[in-house]
Amino acid sequence: MNKVRILGVILIVTAVILNFTLAHDLIDFASGLLLGSGIALVITGKISRKPLFKKVQRLDNN
């Protein structure tokens, strides 16, 4: 396993522990975010570093 997948498993375990030990709406929201990001990291196994949008070159007609 690479480091990113191990981080994903740690996030999943943390989310499950938070969900069962604490009872508050904000904790449930944070637990959901941790669980979702952990599942995404375990499945993909990488963190993308490429930009979402390409830079567009502007054509100036002066």
PDB file of N, CA and C in Angstrom:
ATOM      1  N   MET A   1       0.847  -1.187   0.000  1.00  0.00           N
ATOM      2  CA  MET A   1       0.000   0.000   0.000  1.00  0.00           C
ATOM      3  C   MET A   1       0.887   1.243   0.000  1.00  0.00           C
ATOM      4  N   ASN A   2       0.468   2.225  -0.772  1.00  0.00           N
ATOM      5  CA  ASN A   2       1.228   3.462  -0.744  1.00  0.00           C
ATOM      6  C   ASN A   2       0.716   4.381   0.360  1.00  0.00           C
ATOM      7  N   LYS A   3       1.411   5.484   0.546  1.00  0.00           N
ATOM      8  CA  LYS A   3       1.103   6.386   1.663  1.00  0.00           C
ATOM      9  C   LYS A   3      -0.269   7.023   1.542  1.00  0.00           C
ATOM     10  N   VAL A   4      -0.698   7.288   0.332  1.00  0.00           N
ATOM     11  CA  VAL A   4      -1.997   7.935   0.136  1.00  0.00           C
ATOM     12  C   VAL A   4      -3.135   6.988   0.516  1.00  0.00           C
ATOM     13  N   ARG A   5      -3.020   5.726   0.165  1.00  0.00           N
ATOM     14  CA  ARG A   5      -4.060   4.761   0.544  1.00  0.00           C
ATOM     15  C   ARG A   5      -4.079   4.521   2.047  1.00  0.00           C
ATOM     16  N   ILE A   6      -2.914   4.523   2.675  1.00  0.00           N
ATOM     17  CA  ILE A   6      -2.865   4.395   4.141  1.00  0.00           C
ATOM     18  C   ILE A   6      -3.539   5.596   4.788  1.00  0.00           C
ATOM     19  N   LEU A   7      -3.305   6.799   4.240  1.00  0.00           N
ATOM     20  CA  LEU A   7      -3.980   7.992   4.740  1.00  0.00           C
ATOM     21  C   LEU A   7      -5.489   7.864   4.572  1.00  0.00           C
ATOM     22  N   GLY A   8      -5.944   7.307   3.462  1.00  0.00           N
ATOM     23  CA  GLY A   8      -7.373   7.095   3.250  1.00  0.00           C
ATOM     24  C   GLY A   8      -7.986   6.155   4.271  1.00  0.00           C
ATOM     25  N   VAL A   9      -7.277   5.083   4.585  1.00  0.00           N
ATOM     26  CA  VAL A   9      -7.767   4.136   5.600  1.00  0.00           C
ATOM     27  C   VAL A   9      -7.818   4.811   6.968  1.00  0.00           C
ATOM     28  N   ILE A  10      -6.818   5.626   7.284  1.00  0.00           N
ATOM     29  CA  ILE A  10      -6.811   6.345   8.561  1.00  0.00           C
ATOM     30  C   ILE A  10      -7.987   7.318   8.632  1.00  0.00           C
ATOM     31  N   LEU A  11      -8.287   8.004   7.533  1.00  0.00           N
ATOM     32  CA  LEU A  11      -9.434   8.911   7.516  1.00  0.00           C
ATOM     33  C   LEU A  11     -10.751   8.162   7.704  1.00  0.00           C
ATOM     34  N   ILE A  12     -10.877   7.000   7.101  1.00  0.00           N
ATOM     35  CA  ILE A  12     -12.099   6.206   7.251  1.00  0.00           C
ATOM     36  C   ILE A  12     -12.268   5.752   8.700  1.00  0.00           C
ATOM     37  N   VAL A  13     -11.200   5.260   9.296  1.00  0.00           N
ATOM     38  CA  VAL A  13     -11.276   4.798  10.687  1.00  0.00           C
ATOM     39  C   VAL A  13     -11.600   5.962  11.626  1.00  0.00           C
ATOM     40  N   THR A  14     -10.982   7.118  11.389  1.00  0.00           N
ATOM     41  CA  THR A  14     -11.265   8.299  12.214  1.00  0.00           C
ATOM     42  C   THR A  14     -12.719   8.723  12.078  1.00  0.00           C
ATOM     43  N   ALA A  15     -13.249   8.685  10.870  1.00  0.00           N
ATOM     44  CA  ALA A  15     -14.642   9.077  10.648  1.00  0.00           C
ATOM     45  C   ALA A  15     -15.605   8.136  11.362  1.00  0.00           C
ATOM     46  N   VAL A  16     -15.330   6.844  11.309  1.00  0.00           N
ATOM     47  CA  VAL A  16     -16.212   5.878  11.975  1.00  0.00           C
ATOM     48  C   VAL A  16     -16.152   6.059  13.493  1.00  0.00           C
ATOM     49  N   ILE A  17     -14.973   6.272  14.025  1.00  0.00           N
ATOM     50  CA  ILE A  17     -14.837   6.480  15.476  1.00  0.00           C
ATOM     51  C   ILE A  17     -15.550   7.756  15.905  1.00  0.00           C
ATOM     52  N   LEU A  18     -15.380   8.834  15.154  1.00  0.00           N
ATOM     53  CA  LEU A  18     -16.072  10.081  15.486  1.00  0.00           C
ATOM     54  C   LEU A  18     -17.580   9.922  15.413  1.00  0.00           C
ATOM     55  N   ASN A  19     -18.048   9.197  14.437  1.00  0.00           N
ATOM     56  CA  ASN A  19     -19.488   9.030  14.257  1.00  0.00           C
ATOM     57  C   ASN A  19     -20.119   8.257  15.405  1.00  0.00           C
ATOM     58  N   PHE A  20     -19.413   7.272  15.935  1.00  0.00           N
ATOM     59  CA  PHE A  20     -19.999   6.462  17.007  1.00  0.00           C
ATOM     60  C   PHE A  20     -19.750   7.006  18.407  1.00  0.00           C
ATOM     61  N   THR A  21     -18.765   7.877  18.588  1.00  0.00           N
ATOM     62  CA  THR A  21     -18.456   8.355  19.931  1.00  0.00           C
ATOM     63  C   THR A  21     -19.099   9.696  20.262  1.00  0.00           C
ATOM     64  N   LEU A  22     -19.193  10.589  19.276  1.00  0.00           N
ATOM     65  CA  LEU A  22     -19.723  11.919  19.536  1.00  0.00           C
ATOM     66  C   LEU A  22     -21.051  12.106  18.823  1.00  0.00           C
ATOM     67  N   ALA A  23     -21.931  12.876  19.427  1.00  0.00           N
ATOM     68  CA  ALA A  23     -23.255  13.101  18.845  1.00  0.00           C
ATOM     69  C   ALA A  23     -23.500  14.599  18.709  1.00  0.00           C
ATOM     70  N   HIS A  24     -23.303  15.108  17.523  1.00  0.00           N
ATOM     71  CA  HIS A  24     -23.566  16.503  17.231  1.00  0.00           C
ATOM     72  C   HIS A  24     -23.657  16.629  15.714  1.00  0.00           C
ATOM     73  N   ASP A  25     -24.448  17.597  15.237  1.00  0.00           N
ATOM     74  CA  ASP A  25     -24.629  17.732  13.790  1.00  0.00           C
ATOM     75  C   ASP A  25     -23.334  18.085  13.078  1.00  0.00           C
ATOM     76  N   LEU A  26     -22.526  18.938  13.703  1.00  0.00           N
ATOM     77  CA  LEU A  26     -21.266  19.333  13.084  1.00  0.00           C
ATOM     78  C   LEU A  26     -20.292  18.160  13.028  1.00  0.00           C
ATOM     79  N   ILE A  27     -20.314  17.314  14.045  1.00  0.00           N
ATOM     80  CA  ILE A  27     -19.459  16.124  14.047  1.00  0.00           C
ATOM     81  C   ILE A  27     -19.910  15.151  12.952  1.00  0.00           C
ATOM     82  N   ASP A  28     -21.212  15.037  12.765  1.00  0.00           N
ATOM     83  CA  ASP A  28     -21.720  14.171  11.691  1.00  0.00           C
ATOM     84  C   ASP A  28     -21.284  14.689  10.326  1.00  0.00           C
ATOM     85  N   PHE A  29     -21.313  16.007  10.151  1.00  0.00           N
ATOM     86  CA  PHE A  29     -20.875  16.602   8.888  1.00  0.00           C
ATOM     87  C   PHE A  29     -19.383  16.356   8.666  1.00  0.00           C
ATOM     88  N   ALA A  30     -18.567  16.587   9.687  1.00  0.00           N
ATOM     89  CA  ALA A  30     -17.125  16.364   9.576  1.00  0.00           C
ATOM     90  C   ALA A  30     -16.825  14.887   9.338  1.00  0.00           C
ATOM     91  N   SER A  31     -17.576  14.019   9.992  1.00  0.00           N
ATOM     92  CA  SER A  31     -17.392  12.585   9.806  1.00  0.00           C
ATOM     93  C   SER A  31     -17.713  12.179   8.365  1.00  0.00           C
ATOM     94  N   GLY A  32     -18.740  12.762   7.800  1.00  0.00           N
ATOM     95  CA  GLY A  32     -19.085  12.484   6.413  1.00  0.00           C
ATOM     96  C   GLY A  32     -18.013  12.960   5.445  1.00  0.00           C
ATOM     97  N   LEU A  33     -17.455  14.134   5.706  1.00  0.00           N
ATOM     98  CA  LEU A  33     -16.375  14.640   4.864  1.00  0.00           C
ATOM     99  C   LEU A  33     -15.139  13.741   4.953  1.00  0.00           C
ATOM    100  N   LEU A  34     -14.793  13.339   6.161  1.00  0.00           N
ATOM    101  CA  LEU A  34     -13.640  12.456   6.335  1.00  0.00           C
ATOM    102  C   LEU A  34     -13.868  11.107   5.661  1.00  0.00           C
ATOM    103  N   LEU A  35     -15.052  10.581   5.815  1.00  0.00           N
ATOM    104  CA  LEU A  35     -15.361   9.280   5.214  1.00  0.00           C
ATOM    105  C   LEU A  35     -15.330   9.354   3.690  1.00  0.00           C
ATOM    106  N   GLY A  36     -15.914  10.386   3.135  1.00  0.00           N
ATOM    107  CA  GLY A  36     -15.916  10.539   1.681  1.00  0.00           C
ATOM    108  C   GLY A  36     -14.524  10.729   1.103  1.00  0.00           C
ATOM    109  N   SER A  37     -13.729  11.560   1.749  1.00  0.00           N
ATOM    110  CA  SER A  37     -12.369  11.765   1.245  1.00  0.00           C
ATOM    111  C   SER A  37     -11.515  10.525   1.450  1.00  0.00           C
ATOM    112  N   GLY A  38     -11.740   9.798   2.540  1.00  0.00           N
ATOM    113  CA  GLY A  38     -10.998   8.561   2.773  1.00  0.00           C
ATOM    114  C   GLY A  38     -11.313   7.500   1.732  1.00  0.00           C
ATOM    115  N   ILE A  39     -12.581   7.371   1.383  1.00  0.00           N
ATOM    116  CA  ILE A  39     -12.969   6.402   0.359  1.00  0.00           C
ATOM    117  C   ILE A  39     -12.373   6.786  -0.991  1.00  0.00           C
ATOM    118  N   ALA A  40     -12.398   8.083  -1.310  1.00  0.00           N
ATOM    119  CA  ALA A  40     -11.827   8.539  -2.577  1.00  0.00           C
ATOM    120  C   ALA A  40     -10.325   8.261  -2.637  1.00  0.00           C
ATOM    121  N   LEU A  41      -9.620   8.476  -1.525  1.00  0.00           N
ATOM    122  CA  LEU A  41      -8.179   8.224  -1.512  1.00  0.00           C
ATOM    123  C   LEU A  41      -7.859   6.735  -1.598  1.00  0.00           C
ATOM    124  N   VAL A  42      -8.661   5.904  -0.963  1.00  0.00           N
ATOM    125  CA  VAL A  42      -8.418   4.462  -1.025  1.00  0.00           C
ATOM    126  C   VAL A  42      -8.663   3.937  -2.441  1.00  0.00           C
ATOM    127  N   ILE A  43      -9.697   4.438  -3.100  1.00  0.00           N
ATOM    128  CA  ILE A  43     -10.011   3.950  -4.437  1.00  0.00           C
ATOM    129  C   ILE A  43      -8.989   4.438  -5.464  1.00  0.00           C
ATOM    130  N   THR A  44      -8.697   5.742  -5.461  1.00  0.00           N
ATOM    131  CA  THR A  44      -7.796   6.275  -6.483  1.00  0.00           C
ATOM    132  C   THR A  44      -6.336   6.013  -6.167  1.00  0.00           C
ATOM    133  N   GLY A  45      -5.951   6.148  -4.920  1.00  0.00           N
ATOM    134  CA  GLY A  45      -4.566   5.917  -4.532  1.00  0.00           C
ATOM    135  C   GLY A  45      -3.623   7.024  -4.914  1.00  0.00           C
ATOM    136  N   LYS A  46      -4.160   8.182  -5.291  1.00  0.00           N
ATOM    137  CA  LYS A  46      -3.292   9.293  -5.642  1.00  0.00           C
ATOM    138  C   LYS A  46      -4.001  10.608  -5.352  1.00  0.00           C
ATOM    139  N   ILE A  47      -3.187  11.638  -5.246  1.00  0.00           N
ATOM    140  CA  ILE A  47      -3.697  12.993  -5.094  1.00  0.00           C
ATOM    141  C   ILE A  47      -3.333  13.732  -6.367  1.00  0.00           C
ATOM    142  N   SER A  48      -4.322  14.212  -7.064  1.00  0.00           N
ATOM    143  CA  SER A  48      -4.086  14.847  -8.358  1.00  0.00           C
ATOM    144  C   SER A  48      -3.475  16.223  -8.151  1.00  0.00           C
ATOM    145  N   ARG A  49      -2.437  16.513  -8.905  1.00  0.00           N
ATOM    146  CA  ARG A  49      -1.787  17.810  -8.829  1.00  0.00           C
ATOM    147  C   ARG A  49      -1.967  18.619 -10.103  1.00  0.00           C
ATOM    148  N   LYS A  50      -2.714  18.131 -11.039  1.00  0.00           N
ATOM    149  CA  LYS A  50      -2.910  18.885 -12.260  1.00  0.00           C
ATOM    150  C   LYS A  50      -4.055  19.880 -12.072  1.00  0.00           C
ATOM    151  N   PRO A  51      -3.977  21.027 -12.729  1.00  0.00           N
ATOM    152  CA  PRO A  51      -5.005  22.061 -12.546  1.00  0.00           C
ATOM    153  C   PRO A  51      -6.345  21.637 -13.141  1.00  0.00           C
ATOM    154  N   LEU A  52      -7.393  22.178 -12.579  1.00  0.00           N
ATOM    155  CA  LEU A  52      -8.731  21.861 -13.065  1.00  0.00           C
ATOM    156  C   LEU A  52      -9.016  22.537 -14.399  1.00  0.00           C
ATOM    157  N   PHE A  53      -8.480  23.736 -14.586  1.00  0.00           N
ATOM    158  CA  PHE A  53      -8.735  24.488 -15.802  1.00  0.00           C
ATOM    159  C   PHE A  53      -7.407  24.826 -16.462  1.00  0.00           C
ATOM    160  N   LYS A  54      -7.409  24.801 -17.775  1.00  0.00           N
ATOM    161  CA  LYS A  54      -6.214  25.189 -18.511  1.00  0.00           C
ATOM    162  C   LYS A  54      -6.181  26.702 -18.652  1.00  0.00           C
ATOM    163  N   LYS A  55      -4.975  27.254 -18.650  1.00  0.00           N
ATOM    164  CA  LYS A  55      -4.833  28.682 -18.851  1.00  0.00           C
ATOM    165  C   LYS A  55      -5.092  29.002 -20.317  1.00  0.00           C
ATOM    166  N   VAL A  56      -5.855  30.040 -20.537  1.00  0.00           N
ATOM    167  CA  VAL A  56      -6.198  30.455 -21.887  1.00  0.00           C
ATOM    168  C   VAL A  56      -5.339  31.655 -22.248  1.00  0.00           C
ATOM    169  N   GLN A  57      -4.701  31.591 -23.391  1.00  0.00           N
ATOM    170  CA  GLN A  57      -3.900  32.712 -23.844  1.00  0.00           C
ATOM    171  C   GLN A  57      -4.814  33.729 -24.495  1.00  0.00           C
ATOM    172  N   ARG A  58      -4.617  34.954 -24.069  1.00  0.00           N
ATOM    173  CA  ARG A  58      -5.450  36.025 -24.583  1.00  0.00           C
ATOM    174  C   ARG A  58      -4.804  36.635 -25.822  1.00  0.00           C
ATOM    175  N   LEU A  59      -5.592  36.841 -26.840  1.00  0.00           N
ATOM    176  CA  LEU A  59      -5.103  37.470 -28.054  1.00  0.00           C
ATOM    177  C   LEU A  59      -5.498  38.933 -28.038  1.00  0.00           C
ATOM    178  N   ASP A  60      -4.523  39.809 -27.897  1.00  0.00           N
ATOM    179  CA  ASP A  60      -4.795  41.240 -27.869  1.00  0.00           C
ATOM    180  C   ASP A  60      -4.609  41.806 -29.266  1.00  0.00           C
ATOM    181  N   ASN A  61      -5.625  42.426 -29.798  1.00  0.00           N
ATOM    182  CA  ASN A  61      -5.561  43.056 -31.114  1.00  0.00           C
ATOM    183  C   ASN A  61      -5.428  44.569 -30.929  1.00  0.00           C
ATOM    184  N   ASN A  62      -4.239  44.997 -30.594  1.00  0.00           N
ATOM    185  CA  ASN A  62      -4.010  46.439 -30.403  1.00  0.00           C
ATOM    186  C   ASN A  62      -3.478  47.065 -31.641  1.00  0.00           C
TER     187      ASN A  62
END
